[in-house]
């Protein structure tokens, strides 16, 4: 769905399954690994990737376990397992040091990777991540369980969420993207992967304490996943000693909704950590 760059899908076999990724490869700037969020594919970065490559960065986008073009059935779909996958991909590509960017569910992943192998991580950027979220109330926990079960059984609910998560109306291809996302959740066997993520812990406690690498927090000011997005971003920035940038008017996916604003925030950080 990226009309400006068409890359051939590549694959990496790791214990438990096969991971799909793409790699612009030709740029010589700091490599950047972009990780999608829950139930999503690497195509969520379709509008941001060209802006980063134009600025000279080598950009790698990875499909998470169970989603996109990666294999569906895994024993573990957790953010920690995805951190191991990310480091394995760096090994496979011969990349000694890269910046890691995680959205939503994989905010926890880039934090974990930065603690597991700080020498491999130039810096981390969190886009509308859940880590260091406000403690949920009993009602909120119950709602998450209900919504998770609803998405597992009725993938169309995810399409409705994606519309809400782009409050500006989203990019011109949002309707096409939503339809593809719903169709992907209906793939035979996908319920196992969907359940694995929606029942997982996207906001683990204590992980940020071990991070020593530079960090950037990006948050959409209208993200419907948080009662007060700015408060969550402040908590993340304080825990990571990071700079915070609010993307005005954006929801949960500013890299798709406002890719230029996201790039404008991300590129100076990448320059600094390079």
Protein backbone atom coordinates (compact mmCIF):
# COMPACT_ATOMS: atom_id res chain seq x y z
CA UNK A 1 0.00 0.00 0.00
CA UNK A 2 3.07 2.22 -0.07
CA UNK A 3 2.84 3.82 -3.47
CA UNK A 4 6.29 5.45 -3.27
CA UNK A 5 8.36 2.37 -2.35
CA UNK A 6 7.81 -1.24 -3.27
CA UNK A 7 10.11 -3.62 -1.47
CA UNK A 8 10.33 -7.38 -1.71
CA UNK A 9 9.30 -9.19 1.44
CA UNK A 10 12.18 -11.05 3.07
CA UNK A 11 12.02 -13.73 5.73
CA UNK A 12 13.98 -14.78 8.78
CA UNK A 13 13.51 -18.16 10.43
CA UNK A 14 13.84 -18.08 14.21
CA UNK A 15 12.98 -20.72 16.82
CA UNK A 16 9.21 -21.13 16.66
CA UNK A 17 8.41 -19.63 13.30
CA UNK A 18 9.18 -17.31 10.40
CA UNK A 19 9.32 -13.51 10.49
CA UNK A 20 8.59 -11.27 7.51
CA UNK A 21 10.36 -7.96 7.06
CA UNK A 22 11.52 -5.47 4.48
CA UNK A 23 14.71 -3.50 4.30
CA UNK A 24 15.50 -0.42 2.22
CA UNK A 25 19.18 -1.49 2.55
CA UNK A 26 20.72 1.09 0.20
CA UNK A 27 20.80 4.08 2.57
CA UNK A 28 23.92 4.59 4.65
CA UNK A 29 22.42 6.52 7.58
CA UNK A 30 21.63 5.06 10.98
CA UNK A 31 19.48 1.93 10.56
CA UNK A 32 15.97 2.31 12.00
CA UNK A 33 13.73 -0.66 12.87
CA UNK A 34 10.01 0.14 12.85
CA UNK A 35 7.73 -2.21 14.82
CA UNK A 36 3.95 -2.14 14.39
CA UNK A 37 1.45 -2.34 17.22
CA UNK A 38 -1.14 -4.86 18.31
CA UNK A 39 -2.91 -6.82 15.54
CA UNK A 40 -1.15 -4.68 12.94
CA UNK A 41 1.33 -5.18 10.12
CA UNK A 42 4.43 -3.35 8.99
CA UNK A 43 2.29 -1.55 6.40
CA UNK A 44 1.23 0.84 9.17
CA UNK A 45 4.52 2.64 8.43
CA UNK A 46 3.76 2.95 4.71
CA UNK A 47 3.66 6.77 4.83
CA UNK A 48 6.50 7.34 7.33
CA UNK A 49 9.08 5.04 5.77
CA UNK A 50 9.64 7.12 2.60
CA UNK A 51 10.24 10.24 4.71
CA UNK A 52 12.93 8.48 6.73
CA UNK A 53 14.63 6.96 3.70
CA UNK A 54 14.63 10.31 1.91
CA UNK A 55 16.50 11.66 4.94
CA UNK A 56 19.15 8.96 4.39
CA UNK A 57 18.19 6.29 6.91
CA UNK A 58 18.17 2.58 6.27
CA UNK A 59 14.66 1.50 7.33
CA UNK A 60 13.65 -2.02 8.31
CA UNK A 61 10.01 -2.81 9.05
CA UNK A 62 9.10 -6.08 10.75
CA UNK A 63 5.84 -8.02 10.90
CA UNK A 64 5.21 -9.27 14.42
CA UNK A 65 4.70 -12.90 15.36
CA UNK A 66 1.29 -14.01 14.13
CA UNK A 67 0.59 -11.01 11.90
CA UNK A 68 1.29 -9.54 8.49
CA UNK A 69 3.30 -12.02 6.47
CA UNK A 70 4.97 -13.63 9.48
CA UNK A 71 3.86 -17.12 10.43
CA UNK A 72 0.71 -17.29 12.55
CA UNK A 73 1.23 -19.99 15.19
CA UNK A 74 3.74 -19.24 17.98
CA UNK A 75 4.08 -20.27 21.61
CA UNK A 76 4.70 -16.70 22.75
CA UNK A 77 3.37 -13.40 21.35
CA UNK A 78 4.65 -11.18 24.15
CA UNK A 79 6.54 -7.87 23.79
CA UNK A 80 9.57 -9.58 25.35
CA UNK A 81 9.56 -12.32 22.71
CA UNK A 82 9.31 -9.68 19.97
CA UNK A 83 12.35 -7.94 21.50
CA UNK A 84 14.32 -11.14 21.00
CA UNK A 85 13.06 -11.31 17.40
CA UNK A 86 14.21 -7.73 16.81
CA UNK A 87 17.72 -8.44 18.07
CA UNK A 88 17.82 -11.63 15.98
CA UNK A 89 16.93 -9.57 12.92
CA UNK A 90 19.79 -7.15 13.62
CA UNK A 91 22.12 -10.14 13.86
CA UNK A 92 20.77 -11.57 10.62
CA UNK A 93 21.30 -8.27 8.78
CA UNK A 94 24.73 -7.68 10.27
CA UNK A 95 23.63 -4.45 11.91
CA UNK A 96 25.69 -3.63 14.97
CA UNK A 97 23.63 -0.67 16.15
CA UNK A 98 20.18 0.67 15.27
CA UNK A 99 17.41 2.92 16.51
CA UNK A 100 14.23 1.06 17.48
CA UNK A 101 10.75 2.51 17.09
CA UNK A 102 7.72 0.83 18.66
CA UNK A 103 4.04 1.70 18.38
CA UNK A 104 1.41 0.79 20.97
CA UNK A 105 2.05 -2.86 21.98
CA UNK A 106 5.71 -2.73 20.90
CA UNK A 107 6.58 0.32 22.98
CA UNK A 108 7.32 -2.29 25.64
CA UNK A 109 9.34 -4.26 23.08
CA UNK A 110 11.83 -1.48 22.33
CA UNK A 111 12.20 -0.79 26.05
CA UNK A 112 12.98 -4.47 26.66
CA UNK A 113 15.45 -4.61 23.75
CA UNK A 114 17.26 -1.56 25.13
CA UNK A 115 17.76 -3.37 28.44
CA UNK A 116 18.71 -6.71 26.90
CA UNK A 117 21.34 -5.33 24.52
CA UNK A 118 22.03 -1.63 25.14
CA UNK A 119 25.17 -1.77 23.02
CA UNK A 120 23.02 -2.66 19.98
CA UNK A 121 20.49 0.13 20.51
CA UNK A 122 21.35 3.71 19.54
CA UNK A 123 18.07 4.99 20.91
CA UNK A 124 14.39 4.13 21.25
CA UNK A 125 11.26 5.97 20.22
CA UNK A 126 7.82 5.15 21.60
CA UNK A 127 4.78 6.08 19.52
CA UNK A 128 1.53 6.02 21.52
CA UNK A 129 2.86 3.23 23.70
CA UNK A 130 1.19 1.71 26.74
CA UNK A 131 4.24 1.32 28.93
CA UNK A 132 4.09 3.44 32.11
CA UNK A 133 0.37 3.82 31.52
CA UNK A 134 -1.89 5.02 34.32
CA UNK A 135 -2.95 2.09 36.51
CA UNK A 136 -6.28 0.81 35.12
CA UNK A 137 -9.39 0.76 37.26
CA UNK A 138 -11.39 -2.44 37.72
CA UNK A 139 -13.92 -1.14 35.19
CA UNK A 140 -11.19 -0.41 32.64
CA UNK A 141 -9.67 -3.87 33.08
CA UNK A 142 -13.08 -5.44 32.52
CA UNK A 143 -13.66 -3.32 29.41
CA UNK A 144 -10.29 -4.36 27.95
CA UNK A 145 -11.19 -8.02 28.41
CA UNK A 146 -14.60 -7.53 26.81
CA UNK A 147 -13.19 -5.59 23.86
CA UNK A 148 -10.43 -8.13 23.38
CA UNK A 149 -12.91 -10.99 23.27
CA UNK A 150 -15.08 -9.00 20.86
CA UNK A 151 -12.22 -8.48 18.41
CA UNK A 152 -11.27 -12.16 18.54
CA UNK A 153 -14.79 -13.24 17.64
CA UNK A 154 -15.80 -10.32 15.42
CA UNK A 155 -12.86 -8.85 13.43
CA UNK A 156 -15.10 -6.10 12.06
CA UNK A 157 -14.87 -4.53 15.52
CA UNK A 158 -11.20 -3.92 14.83
CA UNK A 159 -12.09 -2.05 11.66
CA UNK A 160 -14.41 0.18 13.68
CA UNK A 161 -11.64 0.81 16.20
CA UNK A 162 -9.17 1.78 13.46
CA UNK A 163 -11.60 4.41 12.21
CA UNK A 164 -11.93 5.84 15.73
CA UNK A 165 -8.16 5.72 16.21
CA UNK A 166 -7.65 8.16 13.30
CA UNK A 167 -9.73 11.12 14.57
CA UNK A 168 -8.66 13.44 11.74
CA UNK A 169 -10.12 11.03 9.21
CA UNK A 170 -6.76 9.44 8.52
CA UNK A 171 -4.79 9.13 5.28
CA UNK A 172 -6.56 8.79 1.94
CA UNK A 173 -6.04 5.02 1.95
CA UNK A 174 -7.47 4.40 5.43
CA UNK A 175 -10.63 2.64 4.21
CA UNK A 176 -8.51 0.27 2.14
CA UNK A 177 -6.16 -0.27 5.06
CA UNK A 178 -9.02 -1.00 7.48
CA UNK A 179 -10.56 -3.51 5.09
CA UNK A 180 -7.22 -5.30 4.71
CA UNK A 181 -6.71 -5.37 8.49
CA UNK A 182 -10.13 -6.92 9.08
CA UNK A 183 -9.57 -9.48 6.31
CA UNK A 184 -6.22 -10.41 7.87
CA UNK A 185 -7.87 -11.12 11.23
CA UNK A 186 -10.25 -13.49 9.42
CA UNK A 187 -7.36 -15.58 8.08
CA UNK A 188 -7.74 -19.23 9.19
CA UNK A 189 -5.89 -19.76 12.44
CA UNK A 190 -5.48 -16.05 13.18
CA UNK A 191 -7.69 -16.17 16.28
CA UNK A 192 -4.86 -17.87 18.15
CA UNK A 193 -2.48 -15.00 17.41
CA UNK A 194 -5.16 -12.38 18.06
CA UNK A 195 -5.95 -13.91 21.43
CA UNK A 196 -2.23 -14.13 22.20
CA UNK A 197 -1.81 -10.38 21.80
CA UNK A 198 -5.05 -9.05 23.25
CA UNK A 199 -4.56 -11.17 26.38
CA UNK A 200 -0.90 -10.18 26.69
CA UNK A 201 0.65 -7.47 28.86
CA UNK A 202 1.44 -4.41 26.74
CA UNK A 203 2.20 -2.27 29.81
CA UNK A 204 4.63 -4.27 31.96
CA UNK A 205 5.76 -2.69 35.21
CA UNK A 206 9.39 -1.88 35.95
CA UNK A 207 10.92 -2.34 32.51
CA UNK A 208 11.85 1.31 32.03
CA UNK A 209 14.08 1.23 35.12
CA UNK A 210 16.81 -0.59 33.21
CA UNK A 211 16.94 1.69 30.17
CA UNK A 212 20.14 3.69 29.72
CA UNK A 213 19.75 4.57 26.05
CA UNK A 214 18.35 7.89 24.75
CA UNK A 215 14.59 7.88 24.29
CA UNK A 216 11.89 9.89 22.57
CA UNK A 217 8.19 9.79 23.42
CA UNK A 218 5.68 10.62 20.66
CA UNK A 219 1.97 10.74 21.47
CA UNK A 220 -1.13 11.73 19.53
CA UNK A 221 -3.01 14.42 21.42
CA UNK A 222 -6.36 12.79 20.54
CA UNK A 223 -5.43 9.15 21.13
CA UNK A 224 -8.71 7.46 22.14
CA UNK A 225 -6.86 4.70 23.98
CA UNK A 226 -5.97 7.05 26.84
CA UNK A 227 -8.28 9.29 28.91
CA UNK A 228 -5.43 11.84 28.98
CA UNK A 229 -2.69 11.10 26.42
CA UNK A 230 -0.47 13.95 27.62
CA UNK A 231 -0.37 12.57 31.16
CA UNK A 232 0.71 9.14 29.91
CA UNK A 233 3.36 10.73 27.70
CA UNK A 234 4.64 12.71 30.68
CA UNK A 235 4.91 9.52 32.73
CA UNK A 236 6.87 7.79 29.95
CA UNK A 237 9.16 10.78 29.43
CA UNK A 238 9.90 11.01 33.16
CA UNK A 239 10.62 7.28 33.48
CA UNK A 240 12.90 7.23 30.43
CA UNK A 241 14.42 10.71 30.90
CA UNK A 242 13.12 11.32 27.40
CA UNK A 243 11.96 14.22 25.31
CA UNK A 244 8.19 14.29 24.73
CA UNK A 245 6.50 15.43 21.53
CA UNK A 246 2.71 15.63 21.22
CA UNK A 247 1.38 15.25 17.67
CA UNK A 248 -1.53 17.67 17.62
CA UNK A 249 -4.82 16.19 16.47
CA UNK A 250 -3.44 12.67 16.00
CA UNK A 251 -4.92 9.48 17.37
CA UNK A 252 -3.18 6.18 18.06
CA UNK A 253 -1.31 6.04 14.74
CA UNK A 254 0.32 9.42 14.08
CA UNK A 255 2.84 7.83 11.68
CA UNK A 256 -0.05 7.07 9.33
CA UNK A 257 -2.31 9.99 10.17
CA UNK A 258 0.33 12.75 10.28
CA UNK A 259 3.50 11.17 8.82
CA UNK A 260 5.29 14.47 8.16
CA UNK A 261 4.75 15.71 11.72
CA UNK A 262 5.94 12.35 13.01
CA UNK A 263 9.05 12.48 10.81
CA UNK A 264 9.72 16.07 11.89
CA UNK A 265 9.80 14.88 15.51
CA UNK A 266 11.69 11.66 14.85
CA UNK A 267 14.45 12.80 12.47
CA UNK A 268 16.24 15.20 14.87
CA UNK A 269 16.31 12.46 17.49
CA UNK A 270 17.76 9.98 14.99
CA UNK A 271 20.41 12.53 14.04
CA UNK A 272 21.36 12.97 17.69
CA UNK A 273 21.66 9.28 18.52
CA UNK A 274 23.53 8.49 15.31
